[in-house]
Protein backbone atom coordinates (compact mmCIF):
# COMPACT_ATOMS: atom_id res chain seq x y z
CA UNK A 1 0.00 0.00 0.00
CA UNK A 2 1.14 3.54 -0.67
CA UNK A 3 2.47 2.58 -4.11
CA UNK A 4 1.49 4.46 -7.24
CA UNK A 5 0.09 2.27 -10.01
CA UNK A 6 -0.87 2.95 -13.60
CA UNK A 7 -3.75 1.12 -15.25
CA UNK A 8 -3.56 1.10 -19.05
CA UNK A 9 -5.88 -0.28 -21.68
CA UNK A 10 -7.47 0.48 -25.02
CA UNK A 11 -9.71 3.17 -23.49
CA UNK A 12 -8.17 3.36 -19.99
CA UNK A 13 -5.22 5.38 -18.68
CA UNK A 14 -5.31 5.93 -14.90
CA UNK A 15 -2.67 6.79 -12.32
CA UNK A 16 -3.65 5.99 -8.76
CA UNK A 17 -2.29 5.74 -5.25
CA UNK A 18 -3.09 2.37 -3.63
CA UNK A 19 -4.91 3.24 -0.40
CA UNK A 20 -6.43 -0.15 0.38
CA UNK A 21 -5.97 -3.69 -0.88
CA UNK A 22 -8.10 -6.81 -0.30
CA UNK A 23 -7.76 -10.55 -0.84
CA UNK A 24 -11.02 -12.51 -0.48
CA UNK A 25 -12.68 -9.47 1.18
CA UNK A 26 -9.95 -9.31 3.86
CA UNK A 27 -7.76 -6.21 4.09
CA UNK A 28 -4.04 -6.92 3.53
CA UNK A 29 -0.91 -4.76 3.66
CA UNK A 30 1.00 -6.47 0.81
CA UNK A 31 0.64 -9.17 -1.82
CA UNK A 32 3.02 -11.30 -3.88
CA UNK A 33 3.17 -11.94 -7.59
CA UNK A 34 0.26 -14.13 -8.66
CA UNK A 35 -2.12 -13.08 -5.87
CA UNK A 36 -5.58 -12.00 -7.02
CA UNK A 37 -6.26 -8.72 -5.24
CA UNK A 38 -8.82 -5.96 -5.26
CA UNK A 39 -8.05 -2.24 -5.06
CA UNK A 40 -10.33 0.78 -5.13
CA UNK A 41 -10.04 2.81 -8.35
CA UNK A 42 -11.50 6.23 -9.13
CA UNK A 43 -12.63 5.41 -12.67
CA UNK A 44 -13.64 2.38 -14.74
CA UNK A 45 -11.01 -0.33 -15.18
CA UNK A 46 -11.61 -3.25 -17.50
CA UNK A 47 -10.71 -6.93 -17.29
CA UNK A 48 -7.87 -6.89 -19.87
CA UNK A 49 -6.26 -3.62 -18.70
CA UNK A 50 -2.62 -3.86 -17.62
CA UNK A 51 -1.48 -2.67 -14.20
CA UNK A 52 2.09 -1.51 -13.60
CA UNK A 53 3.78 -0.18 -10.47
CA UNK A 54 5.36 3.25 -10.99
CA UNK A 55 8.84 3.62 -9.47
CA UNK A 56 10.48 6.96 -8.79
PDB file of N, CA and C in Angstrom:
ATOM      1  N   UNK A   1       0.841  -1.158   0.000  1.00  0.00           N
ATOM      2  CA  UNK A   1       0.000   0.000   0.000  1.00  0.00           C
ATOM      3  C   UNK A   1       0.897   1.235   0.000  1.00  0.00           C
ATOM      4  N   UNK A   2       0.361   2.323  -0.544  1.00  0.00           N
ATOM      5  CA  UNK A   2       1.140   3.535  -0.671  1.00  0.00           C
ATOM      6  C   UNK A   2       1.870   3.639  -1.994  1.00  0.00           C
ATOM      7  N   UNK A   3       1.829   2.570  -2.795  1.00  0.00           N
ATOM      8  CA  UNK A   3       2.471   2.581  -4.112  1.00  0.00           C
ATOM      9  C   UNK A   3       1.595   3.318  -5.111  1.00  0.00           C
ATOM     10  N   UNK A   4       2.231   3.849  -6.141  1.00  0.00           N
ATOM     11  CA  UNK A   4       1.494   4.463  -7.236  1.00  0.00           C
ATOM     12  C   UNK A   4       1.460   3.480  -8.392  1.00  0.00           C
ATOM     13  N   UNK A   5       0.276   3.201  -8.901  1.00  0.00           N
ATOM     14  CA  UNK A   5       0.089   2.273 -10.010  1.00  0.00           C
ATOM     15  C   UNK A   5      -0.490   3.007 -11.211  1.00  0.00           C
ATOM     16  N   UNK A   6      -0.268   2.442 -12.378  1.00  0.00           N
ATOM     17  CA  UNK A   6      -0.875   2.949 -13.598  1.00  0.00           C
ATOM     18  C   UNK A   6      -1.663   1.812 -14.224  1.00  0.00           C
ATOM     19  N   UNK A   7      -2.898   2.097 -14.592  1.00  0.00           N
ATOM     20  CA  UNK A   7      -3.754   1.120 -15.253  1.00  0.00           C
ATOM     21  C   UNK A   7      -3.930   1.585 -16.688  1.00  0.00           C
ATOM     22  N   UNK A   8      -3.522   0.732 -17.636  1.00  0.00           N
ATOM     23  CA  UNK A   8      -3.564   1.099 -19.049  1.00  0.00           C
ATOM     24  C   UNK A   8      -4.351   0.072 -19.844  1.00  0.00           C
ATOM     25  N   UNK A   9      -5.130   0.579 -20.784  1.00  0.00           N
ATOM     26  CA  UNK A   9      -5.884  -0.279 -21.679  1.00  0.00           C
ATOM     27  C   UNK A   9      -6.253   0.485 -22.925  1.00  0.00           C
ATOM     28  N   UNK A  10      -7.065  -0.124 -23.762  1.00  0.00           N
ATOM     29  CA  UNK A  10      -7.470   0.484 -25.023  1.00  0.00           C
ATOM     30  C   UNK A  10      -8.148   1.833 -24.797  1.00  0.00           C
ATOM     31  N   UNK A  11      -9.019   1.916 -23.791  1.00  0.00           N
ATOM     32  CA  UNK A  11      -9.712   3.174 -23.486  1.00  0.00           C
ATOM     33  C   UNK A  11      -9.431   3.653 -22.062  1.00  0.00           C
ATOM     34  N   UNK A  12      -8.459   3.047 -21.383  1.00  0.00           N
ATOM     35  CA  UNK A  12      -8.170   3.364 -19.991  1.00  0.00           C
ATOM     36  C   UNK A  12      -6.745   3.876 -19.853  1.00  0.00           C
ATOM     37  N   UNK A  13      -6.559   4.904 -19.051  1.00  0.00           N
ATOM     38  CA  UNK A  13      -5.223   5.375 -18.678  1.00  0.00           C
ATOM     39  C   UNK A  13      -5.358   6.105 -17.346  1.00  0.00           C
ATOM     40  N   UNK A  14      -5.135   5.386 -16.246  1.00  0.00           N
ATOM     41  CA  UNK A  14      -5.306   5.929 -14.899  1.00  0.00           C
ATOM     42  C   UNK A  14      -4.002   5.845 -14.122  1.00  0.00           C
ATOM     43  N   UNK A  15      -3.727   6.859 -13.326  1.00  0.00           N
ATOM     44  CA  UNK A  15      -2.671   6.792 -12.321  1.00  0.00           C
ATOM     45  C   UNK A  15      -3.367   6.873 -10.984  1.00  0.00           C
ATOM     46  N   UNK A  16      -2.962   6.018 -10.045  1.00  0.00           N
ATOM     47  CA  UNK A  16      -3.654   5.991  -8.765  1.00  0.00           C
ATOM     48  C   UNK A  16      -2.707   5.616  -7.639  1.00  0.00           C
ATOM     49  N   UNK A  17      -3.002   6.109  -6.452  1.00  0.00           N
ATOM     50  CA  UNK A  17      -2.293   5.735  -5.248  1.00  0.00           C
ATOM     51  C   UNK A  17      -3.082   4.614  -4.581  1.00  0.00           C
ATOM     52  N   UNK A  18      -2.419   3.514  -4.262  1.00  0.00           N
ATOM     53  CA  UNK A  18      -3.094   2.374  -3.629  1.00  0.00           C
ATOM     54  C   UNK A  18      -3.305   2.706  -2.155  1.00  0.00           C
ATOM     55  N   UNK A  19      -4.565   2.893  -1.777  1.00  0.00           N
ATOM     56  CA  UNK A  19      -4.908   3.242  -0.404  1.00  0.00           C
ATOM     57  C   UNK A  19      -5.404   2.047   0.394  1.00  0.00           C
ATOM     58  N   UNK A  20      -5.992   1.065  -0.295  1.00  0.00           N
ATOM     59  CA  UNK A  20      -6.434  -0.152   0.376  1.00  0.00           C
ATOM     60  C   UNK A  20      -6.341  -1.319  -0.602  1.00  0.00           C
ATOM     61  N   UNK A  21      -6.124  -2.493  -0.047  1.00  0.00           N
ATOM     62  CA  UNK A  21      -5.974  -3.688  -0.875  1.00  0.00           C
ATOM     63  C   UNK A  21      -6.641  -4.848  -0.145  1.00  0.00           C
ATOM     64  N   UNK A  22      -7.367  -5.698  -0.903  1.00  0.00           N
ATOM     65  CA  UNK A  22      -8.096  -6.806  -0.300  1.00  0.00           C
ATOM     66  C   UNK A  22      -7.840  -8.107  -1.053  1.00  0.00           C
ATOM     67  N   UNK A  23      -7.785  -9.190  -0.290  1.00  0.00           N
ATOM     68  CA  UNK A  23      -7.756 -10.549  -0.841  1.00  0.00           C
ATOM     69  C   UNK A  23      -8.913 -11.293  -0.187  1.00  0.00           C
ATOM     70  N   UNK A  24      -9.842 -11.795  -1.000  1.00  0.00           N
ATOM     71  CA  UNK A  24     -11.019 -12.512  -0.483  1.00  0.00           C
ATOM     72  C   UNK A  24     -11.751 -11.688   0.579  1.00  0.00           C
ATOM     73  N   UNK A  25     -11.953 -10.393   0.317  1.00  0.00           N
ATOM     74  CA  UNK A  25     -12.675  -9.466   1.185  1.00  0.00           C
ATOM     75  C   UNK A  25     -11.979  -9.190   2.508  1.00  0.00           C
ATOM     76  N   UNK A  26     -10.725  -9.595   2.655  1.00  0.00           N
ATOM     77  CA  UNK A  26      -9.949  -9.309   3.863  1.00  0.00           C
ATOM     78  C   UNK A  26      -8.874  -8.284   3.515  1.00  0.00           C
ATOM     79  N   UNK A  27      -8.753  -7.253   4.319  1.00  0.00           N
ATOM     80  CA  UNK A  27      -7.765  -6.214   4.087  1.00  0.00           C
ATOM     81  C   UNK A  27      -6.359  -6.771   4.325  1.00  0.00           C
ATOM     82  N   UNK A  28      -5.425  -6.472   3.407  1.00  0.00           N
ATOM     83  CA  UNK A  28      -4.037  -6.915   3.531  1.00  0.00           C
ATOM     84  C   UNK A  28      -3.110  -5.729   3.287  1.00  0.00           C
ATOM     85  N   UNK A  29      -1.901  -5.815   3.827  1.00  0.00           N
ATOM     86  CA  UNK A  29      -0.906  -4.758   3.660  1.00  0.00           C
ATOM     87  C   UNK A  29      -0.057  -4.949   2.403  1.00  0.00           C
ATOM     88  N   UNK A  30       0.213  -6.207   2.012  1.00  0.00           N
ATOM     89  CA  UNK A  30       1.000  -6.469   0.814  1.00  0.00           C
ATOM     90  C   UNK A  30       0.570  -7.788   0.184  1.00  0.00           C
ATOM     91  N   UNK A  31       0.977  -7.961  -1.059  1.00  0.00           N
ATOM     92  CA  UNK A  31       0.643  -9.174  -1.819  1.00  0.00           C
ATOM     93  C   UNK A  31       1.877  -9.575  -2.618  1.00  0.00           C
ATOM     94  N   UNK A  32       1.895 -10.813  -3.072  1.00  0.00           N
ATOM     95  CA  UNK A  32       3.016 -11.297  -3.876  1.00  0.00           C
ATOM     96  C   UNK A  32       2.538 -11.561  -5.293  1.00  0.00           C
ATOM     97  N   UNK A  33       3.476 -11.680  -6.190  1.00  0.00           N
ATOM     98  CA  UNK A  33       3.167 -11.941  -7.588  1.00  0.00           C
ATOM     99  C   UNK A  33       2.272 -13.169  -7.699  1.00  0.00           C
ATOM    100  N   UNK A  34       1.188 -13.024  -8.455  1.00  0.00           N
ATOM    101  CA  UNK A  34       0.259 -14.131  -8.657  1.00  0.00           C
ATOM    102  C   UNK A  34      -0.979 -14.054  -7.785  1.00  0.00           C
ATOM    103  N   UNK A  35      -0.939 -13.243  -6.709  1.00  0.00           N
ATOM    104  CA  UNK A  35      -2.123 -13.077  -5.866  1.00  0.00           C
ATOM    105  C   UNK A  35      -3.205 -12.331  -6.637  1.00  0.00           C
ATOM    106  N   UNK A  36      -4.440 -12.706  -6.434  1.00  0.00           N
ATOM    107  CA  UNK A  36      -5.576 -12.002  -7.017  1.00  0.00           C
ATOM    108  C   UNK A  36      -6.084 -11.031  -5.964  1.00  0.00           C
ATOM    109  N   UNK A  37      -5.920  -9.732  -6.227  1.00  0.00           N
ATOM    110  CA  UNK A  37      -6.258  -8.716  -5.240  1.00  0.00           C
ATOM    111  C   UNK A  37      -7.319  -7.770  -5.776  1.00  0.00           C
ATOM    112  N   UNK A  38      -7.895  -7.012  -4.885  1.00  0.00           N
ATOM    113  CA  UNK A  38      -8.825  -5.955  -5.259  1.00  0.00           C
ATOM    114  C   UNK A  38      -8.331  -4.641  -4.705  1.00  0.00           C
ATOM    115  N   UNK A  39      -8.396  -3.590  -5.505  1.00  0.00           N
ATOM    116  CA  UNK A  39      -8.052  -2.241  -5.057  1.00  0.00           C
ATOM    117  C   UNK A  39      -9.143  -1.289  -5.519  1.00  0.00           C
ATOM    118  N   UNK A  40      -9.330  -0.211  -4.783  1.00  0.00           N
ATOM    119  CA  UNK A  40     -10.328   0.785  -5.132  1.00  0.00           C
ATOM    120  C   UNK A  40      -9.741   1.717  -6.186  1.00  0.00           C
ATOM    121  N   UNK A  41     -10.477   1.913  -7.283  1.00  0.00           N
ATOM    122  CA  UNK A  41     -10.043   2.811  -8.349  1.00  0.00           C
ATOM    123  C   UNK A  41     -11.079   3.920  -8.516  1.00  0.00           C
ATOM    124  N   UNK A  42     -10.628   5.080  -9.003  1.00  0.00           N
ATOM    125  CA  UNK A  42     -11.501   6.225  -9.133  1.00  0.00           C
ATOM    126  C   UNK A  42     -12.288   6.281 -10.423  1.00  0.00           C
ATOM    127  N   UNK A  43     -11.960   5.415 -11.385  1.00  0.00           N
ATOM    128  CA  UNK A  43     -12.630   5.408 -12.673  1.00  0.00           C
ATOM    129  C   UNK A  43     -12.801   3.956 -13.106  1.00  0.00           C
ATOM    130  N   UNK A  44     -13.378   3.742 -14.281  1.00  0.00           N
ATOM    131  CA  UNK A  44     -13.642   2.384 -14.739  1.00  0.00           C
ATOM    132  C   UNK A  44     -12.362   1.711 -15.231  1.00  0.00           C
ATOM    133  N   UNK A  45     -12.096   0.524 -14.715  1.00  0.00           N
ATOM    134  CA  UNK A  45     -11.005  -0.333 -15.182  1.00  0.00           C
ATOM    135  C   UNK A  45     -11.640  -1.583 -15.765  1.00  0.00           C
ATOM    136  N   UNK A  46     -11.039  -2.103 -16.806  1.00  0.00           N
ATOM    137  CA  UNK A  46     -11.611  -3.253 -17.503  1.00  0.00           C
ATOM    138  C   UNK A  46     -10.750  -4.499 -17.318  1.00  0.00           C
ATOM    139  N   UNK A  47     -11.345  -5.652 -17.563  1.00  0.00           N
ATOM    140  CA  UNK A  47     -10.707  -6.934 -17.292  1.00  0.00           C
ATOM    141  C   UNK A  47      -9.325  -7.084 -17.941  1.00  0.00           C
ATOM    142  N   UNK A  48      -9.137  -6.668 -19.173  1.00  0.00           N
ATOM    143  CA  UNK A  48      -7.868  -6.886 -19.871  1.00  0.00           C
ATOM    144  C   UNK A  48      -6.884  -5.723 -19.742  1.00  0.00           C
ATOM    145  N   UNK A  49      -7.196  -4.731 -18.921  1.00  0.00           N
ATOM    146  CA  UNK A  49      -6.262  -3.624 -18.699  1.00  0.00           C
ATOM    147  C   UNK A  49      -5.007  -4.145 -17.988  1.00  0.00           C
ATOM    148  N   UNK A  50      -3.902  -3.493 -18.248  1.00  0.00           N
ATOM    149  CA  UNK A  50      -2.620  -3.856 -17.615  1.00  0.00           C
ATOM    150  C   UNK A  50      -2.357  -2.922 -16.452  1.00  0.00           C
ATOM    151  N   UNK A  51      -1.815  -3.463 -15.370  1.00  0.00           N
ATOM    152  CA  UNK A  51      -1.482  -2.670 -14.197  1.00  0.00           C
ATOM    153  C   UNK A  51       0.027  -2.738 -13.999  1.00  0.00           C
ATOM    154  N   UNK A  52       0.652  -1.565 -13.853  1.00  0.00           N
ATOM    155  CA  UNK A  52       2.094  -1.511 -13.599  1.00  0.00           C
ATOM    156  C   UNK A  52       2.348  -0.625 -12.387  1.00  0.00           C
ATOM    157  N   UNK A  53       3.376  -0.971 -11.627  1.00  0.00           N
ATOM    158  CA  UNK A  53       3.783  -0.179 -10.473  1.00  0.00           C
ATOM    159  C   UNK A  53       4.746   0.888 -10.958  1.00  0.00           C
ATOM    160  N   UNK A  54       4.482   2.155 -10.602  1.00  0.00           N
ATOM    161  CA  UNK A  54       5.365   3.251 -10.989  1.00  0.00           C
ATOM    162  C   UNK A  54       6.442   3.406  -9.922  1.00  0.00           C
ATOM    163  N   UNK A  55       7.696   3.493 -10.367  1.00  0.00           N
ATOM    164  CA  UNK A  55       8.837   3.617  -9.470  1.00  0.00           C
ATOM    165  C   UNK A  55       9.505   4.953  -9.727  1.00  0.00           C
ATOM    166  N   UNK A  56       9.811   5.672  -8.649  1.00  0.00           N
ATOM    167  CA  UNK A  56      10.483   6.964  -8.793  1.00  0.00           C
ATOM    168  C   UNK A  56      11.944   6.786  -9.110  1.00  0.00           C
TER     169      UNK A  56
END
